Amino acid sequence: MSRWSVVVPAKRLVAAKTRLRPLTAGPGGDHRALVLALLADTVAAALACDRVGSVVVVTDEPASAELAGDLGATAVADEPDRGLNPALEHGARRSGNTHVAALSSDLPALRPQELAAALAAAEAAPRCFVADAQGTGTTLLTAAGVPLHPRFGRGSAHAHEIEGAVRLTGAWPGLRRDVDVPADLRAVLGLGAGPCTTGLVRASPLLASRIGTAR
C-alpha cells in the first residue's frame, strides 16, 4: 500500500472564499474563522486517512500555517507566488514523495475512508482525479511516479481529463462537495461537516440564520 503526500493550498484569508462573504458580513460575522474552519476539517480528515503519510499546506497566510502545524501537517511558503497551480507543483516537490495528491482546502465533510478509497483507486493509473459535485471542477488530483501537472480553475475536470488523467468515480460525497457558495455550506452541513465547521455554525446565530435561507 502506497503512502501518499497530500498537498493542500490555502490562500491568504483576505482573498479566500469571497463568494461566502454574504454569510459573514455584518455584526457577529467572522469570515476568517469560517475559512480556517473549512481548512481545519479538511486537513484533519486527510491526516486521519491511513493511506496518507504526510500533508503539506502551501500558504503565505500565517494563521493557516499555524493551524496546519497545530494539526500535524507541514506548512510551506508559496515561493512561486504565481497562483494555485504553481503553488501545488511547489508543494508536490517539497513533499519529496513519488505519490502526491492535490486536495481542495474546502472539504469539511470529507471522511478519511472516502479519501482512502479514492487513493486506492488512484493506484490504477499514473494520474487520476475526482470531480466535484457539479462534475466540472476537481477536488482531488493524484500523481504516482509522474509530475502532478495540475490544471485547477474553471473547467478543471475537463482540462485534467483531456491531458490523460483518469476520472475516478465512487460513493464519496464528502470528497466531492467543496464549499464555494452559501448553498454548498448548507449541503456539507447536511452531509455531516467536521467539528470545526459545525461548531462555528452552531456558535454563530448569524451564520445559522443565513445558511437556512441561502440560495
Protein backbone atom coordinates (compact mmCIF):
# COMPACT_ATOMS: atom_id res chain seq x y z
CA MET A 1 0.00 0.00 0.00
CA SER A 2 1.45 3.34 -1.06
CA ARG A 3 1.61 6.19 1.41
CA TRP A 4 0.61 9.43 -0.25
CA SER A 5 1.60 13.02 0.40
CA VAL A 6 -1.43 15.29 0.21
CA VAL A 7 -0.87 18.89 -0.84
CA VAL A 8 -3.48 21.43 0.27
CA PRO A 9 -3.37 25.05 -0.96
CA ALA A 10 -4.55 27.83 1.34
CA LYS A 11 -4.97 31.40 0.10
CA ARG A 12 -4.39 34.43 2.25
CA LEU A 13 -7.55 34.91 4.28
CA VAL A 14 -8.31 38.33 2.83
CA ALA A 15 -8.69 36.74 -0.62
CA ALA A 16 -10.19 33.38 0.33
CA LYS A 17 -13.77 32.27 -0.27
CA THR A 18 -15.07 35.68 -1.32
CA ARG A 19 -18.37 34.20 -2.53
CA LEU A 20 -19.11 33.19 1.07
CA ARG A 21 -18.83 36.76 2.34
CA PRO A 22 -22.62 37.32 2.21
CA LEU A 23 -22.81 34.77 5.04
CA THR A 24 -20.34 36.57 7.28
CA ALA A 25 -20.94 40.23 6.50
CA GLY A 26 -22.30 42.20 9.44
CA PRO A 27 -22.14 42.13 13.24
CA GLY A 28 -21.19 38.72 14.57
CA GLY A 29 -19.72 37.57 11.27
CA ASP A 30 -16.16 36.26 11.11
CA HIS A 31 -15.06 35.37 7.60
CA ARG A 32 -11.55 34.43 8.66
CA ALA A 33 -12.90 31.95 11.17
CA LEU A 34 -15.10 30.30 8.56
CA VAL A 35 -12.25 29.87 6.06
CA LEU A 36 -9.99 28.44 8.76
CA ALA A 37 -12.70 26.04 9.93
CA LEU A 38 -13.10 24.65 6.41
CA LEU A 39 -9.34 24.22 6.15
CA ALA A 40 -9.02 22.61 9.59
CA ASP A 41 -11.66 19.96 8.93
CA THR A 42 -10.14 19.16 5.53
CA VAL A 43 -6.59 18.81 6.83
CA ALA A 44 -7.70 16.79 9.86
CA ALA A 45 -9.56 14.31 7.65
CA ALA A 46 -6.55 13.92 5.37
CA LEU A 47 -4.22 13.34 8.31
CA ALA A 48 -6.57 10.68 9.68
CA CYS A 49 -6.52 8.73 6.39
CA ASP A 50 -4.47 5.53 6.63
CA ARG A 51 -3.13 5.93 3.08
CA VAL A 52 -1.71 9.38 3.81
CA GLY A 53 1.82 9.69 5.07
CA SER A 54 2.03 13.47 5.16
CA VAL A 55 0.01 16.60 4.50
CA VAL A 56 1.68 19.71 3.09
CA VAL A 57 -0.22 23.00 3.31
CA VAL A 58 1.08 25.59 0.86
CA THR A 59 0.27 29.04 2.17
CA ASP A 60 1.54 32.55 2.81
CA GLU A 61 -1.14 33.10 5.46
CA PRO A 62 0.35 32.96 8.97
CA ALA A 63 -2.91 31.81 10.57
CA SER A 64 -3.26 28.94 8.10
CA ALA A 65 0.37 27.93 8.57
CA GLU A 66 -0.08 27.91 12.34
CA LEU A 67 -3.26 25.86 12.06
CA ALA A 68 -1.52 23.33 9.82
CA GLY A 69 1.33 22.92 12.27
CA ASP A 70 -1.00 22.52 15.22
CA LEU A 71 -2.83 19.70 13.42
CA GLY A 72 0.37 17.87 12.47
CA ALA A 73 0.71 18.97 8.86
CA THR A 74 3.71 20.71 7.32
CA ALA A 75 3.27 24.31 6.20
CA VAL A 76 5.43 25.61 3.35
CA ALA A 77 5.50 29.11 1.91
CA ASP A 78 4.11 29.68 -1.56
CA GLU A 79 7.50 30.53 -3.01
CA PRO A 80 6.39 30.67 -6.65
CA ASP A 81 3.61 33.15 -5.71
CA ARG A 82 2.11 32.74 -9.18
CA GLY A 83 -1.29 31.27 -8.42
CA LEU A 84 -2.86 27.96 -7.46
CA ASN A 85 -1.27 25.53 -9.91
CA PRO A 86 2.34 26.64 -9.38
CA ALA A 87 1.70 26.51 -5.62
CA LEU A 88 0.53 22.89 -5.91
CA GLU A 89 3.55 21.93 -8.00
CA HIS A 90 5.78 23.55 -5.40
CA GLY A 91 4.08 21.61 -2.60
CA ALA A 92 4.42 18.37 -4.54
CA ARG A 93 8.15 18.93 -4.95
CA ARG A 94 8.57 19.82 -1.30
CA SER A 95 6.77 16.65 -0.23
CA GLY A 96 9.64 14.52 -1.53
CA ASN A 97 7.19 11.73 -2.37
CA THR A 98 6.57 9.88 -5.63
CA HIS A 99 2.85 9.57 -4.78
CA VAL A 100 1.28 13.01 -4.46
CA ALA A 101 -2.34 14.15 -4.28
CA ALA A 102 -3.58 17.73 -4.56
CA LEU A 103 -6.66 18.22 -2.39
CA SER A 104 -9.03 21.19 -2.21
CA SER A 105 -8.89 23.09 1.06
CA ASP A 106 -12.67 23.39 1.49
CA LEU A 107 -13.96 19.85 2.00
CA PRO A 108 -15.26 19.96 5.59
CA ALA A 109 -17.46 16.86 5.16
CA LEU A 110 -14.56 14.73 3.90
CA ARG A 111 -14.26 11.34 5.59
CA PRO A 112 -10.85 9.67 5.93
CA GLN A 113 -12.26 6.45 4.49
CA GLU A 114 -13.52 8.30 1.40
CA LEU A 115 -10.06 9.67 0.76
CA ALA A 116 -8.53 6.25 1.37
CA ALA A 117 -10.86 4.65 -1.18
CA ALA A 118 -10.11 7.32 -3.77
CA LEU A 119 -6.35 7.00 -3.25
CA ALA A 120 -6.61 3.21 -3.54
CA ALA A 121 -8.46 3.63 -6.84
CA ALA A 122 -5.80 6.09 -7.98
CA GLU A 123 -3.19 3.32 -7.92
CA ALA A 124 -4.67 2.13 -11.23
CA ALA A 125 -3.19 4.94 -13.36
CA PRO A 126 -0.32 7.45 -13.19
CA ARG A 127 -2.66 10.45 -12.93
CA CYS A 128 -6.26 10.43 -11.69
CA PHE A 129 -8.80 12.94 -10.46
CA VAL A 130 -12.10 13.21 -8.65
CA ALA A 131 -14.61 15.72 -9.98
CA ASP A 132 -16.67 17.96 -7.73
CA ALA A 133 -20.40 17.52 -7.15
CA GLN A 134 -21.20 19.52 -10.30
CA GLY A 135 -18.85 17.37 -12.37
CA THR A 136 -16.93 20.31 -13.80
CA GLY A 137 -14.37 21.12 -11.12
CA THR A 138 -11.75 18.98 -9.39
CA THR A 139 -11.41 18.24 -5.70
CA LEU A 140 -8.60 15.66 -5.86
CA LEU A 141 -5.79 15.17 -8.38
CA THR A 142 -3.27 12.36 -7.96
CA ALA A 143 0.10 11.58 -9.50
CA ALA A 144 2.01 8.34 -8.93
CA GLY A 145 5.56 8.40 -10.22
CA VAL A 146 4.85 11.25 -12.66
CA PRO A 147 4.59 15.05 -12.35
CA LEU A 148 1.36 16.33 -10.80
CA HIS A 149 0.64 18.70 -13.71
CA PRO A 150 -2.35 20.45 -12.06
CA ARG A 151 -4.88 22.38 -14.14
CA PHE A 152 -7.17 23.67 -11.41
CA GLY A 153 -9.51 26.52 -12.30
CA ARG A 154 -12.71 26.84 -14.30
CA GLY A 155 -13.48 23.59 -16.13
CA SER A 156 -10.60 21.76 -14.46
CA ALA A 157 -12.25 18.33 -14.69
CA HIS A 158 -12.25 18.54 -18.48
CA ALA A 159 -8.74 20.01 -18.51
CA HIS A 160 -7.38 17.16 -16.39
CA GLU A 161 -9.21 14.55 -18.44
CA ILE A 162 -8.04 15.71 -21.85
CA GLU A 163 -4.46 15.65 -20.57
CA GLY A 164 -4.75 11.98 -19.69
CA ALA A 165 -5.86 11.89 -16.05
CA VAL A 166 -8.40 9.17 -15.31
CA ARG A 167 -11.72 10.28 -13.82
CA LEU A 168 -12.44 8.29 -10.65
CA THR A 169 -15.98 7.55 -9.56
CA GLY A 170 -17.17 6.34 -6.20
CA ALA A 171 -19.61 6.97 -3.38
CA TRP A 172 -17.56 9.82 -1.90
CA PRO A 173 -19.99 12.68 -1.19
CA GLY A 174 -17.70 14.44 1.26
CA LEU A 175 -14.80 14.32 -1.16
CA ARG A 176 -16.89 15.76 -3.97
CA ARG A 177 -18.56 18.60 -2.07
CA ASP A 178 -16.33 21.63 -1.85
CA VAL A 179 -17.66 24.91 -0.49
CA ASP A 180 -17.73 27.83 -2.89
CA VAL A 181 -21.16 29.43 -2.33
CA PRO A 182 -23.61 29.58 0.60
CA ALA A 183 -25.69 26.65 -0.70
CA ASP A 184 -22.56 24.47 -0.61
CA LEU A 185 -22.09 25.17 3.08
CA ARG A 186 -25.66 24.13 3.76
CA ALA A 187 -25.03 20.94 1.76
CA VAL A 188 -21.92 19.93 3.70
CA LEU A 189 -23.68 20.51 7.00
CA GLY A 190 -26.35 18.12 5.74
CA LEU A 191 -23.69 15.54 4.95
CA GLY A 192 -22.13 16.00 8.37
CA ALA A 193 -19.32 18.53 8.38
CA GLY A 194 -16.32 18.20 10.66
CA PRO A 195 -16.21 19.60 14.20
CA CYS A 196 -14.62 22.95 13.35
CA THR A 197 -17.16 23.93 10.71
CA THR A 198 -20.11 22.52 12.64
CA GLY A 199 -19.01 24.15 15.87
CA LEU A 200 -18.54 27.54 14.22
CA VAL A 201 -22.02 27.49 12.70
CA ARG A 202 -23.60 26.39 15.98
CA ALA A 203 -21.83 29.20 17.82
CA SER A 204 -22.88 31.87 15.30
CA PRO A 205 -26.55 32.85 15.14
CA LEU A 206 -25.72 34.98 12.10
CA LEU A 207 -24.28 32.06 10.15
CA ALA A 208 -27.00 29.66 11.24
CA SER A 209 -29.79 32.01 10.16
CA ARG A 210 -28.22 32.89 6.82
CA ILE A 211 -27.41 29.31 5.89
CA GLY A 212 -31.04 28.41 6.49
CA THR A 213 -32.20 30.92 3.86
CA ALA A 214 -29.22 30.91 1.46
CA ARG A 215 -29.92 30.06 -2.19
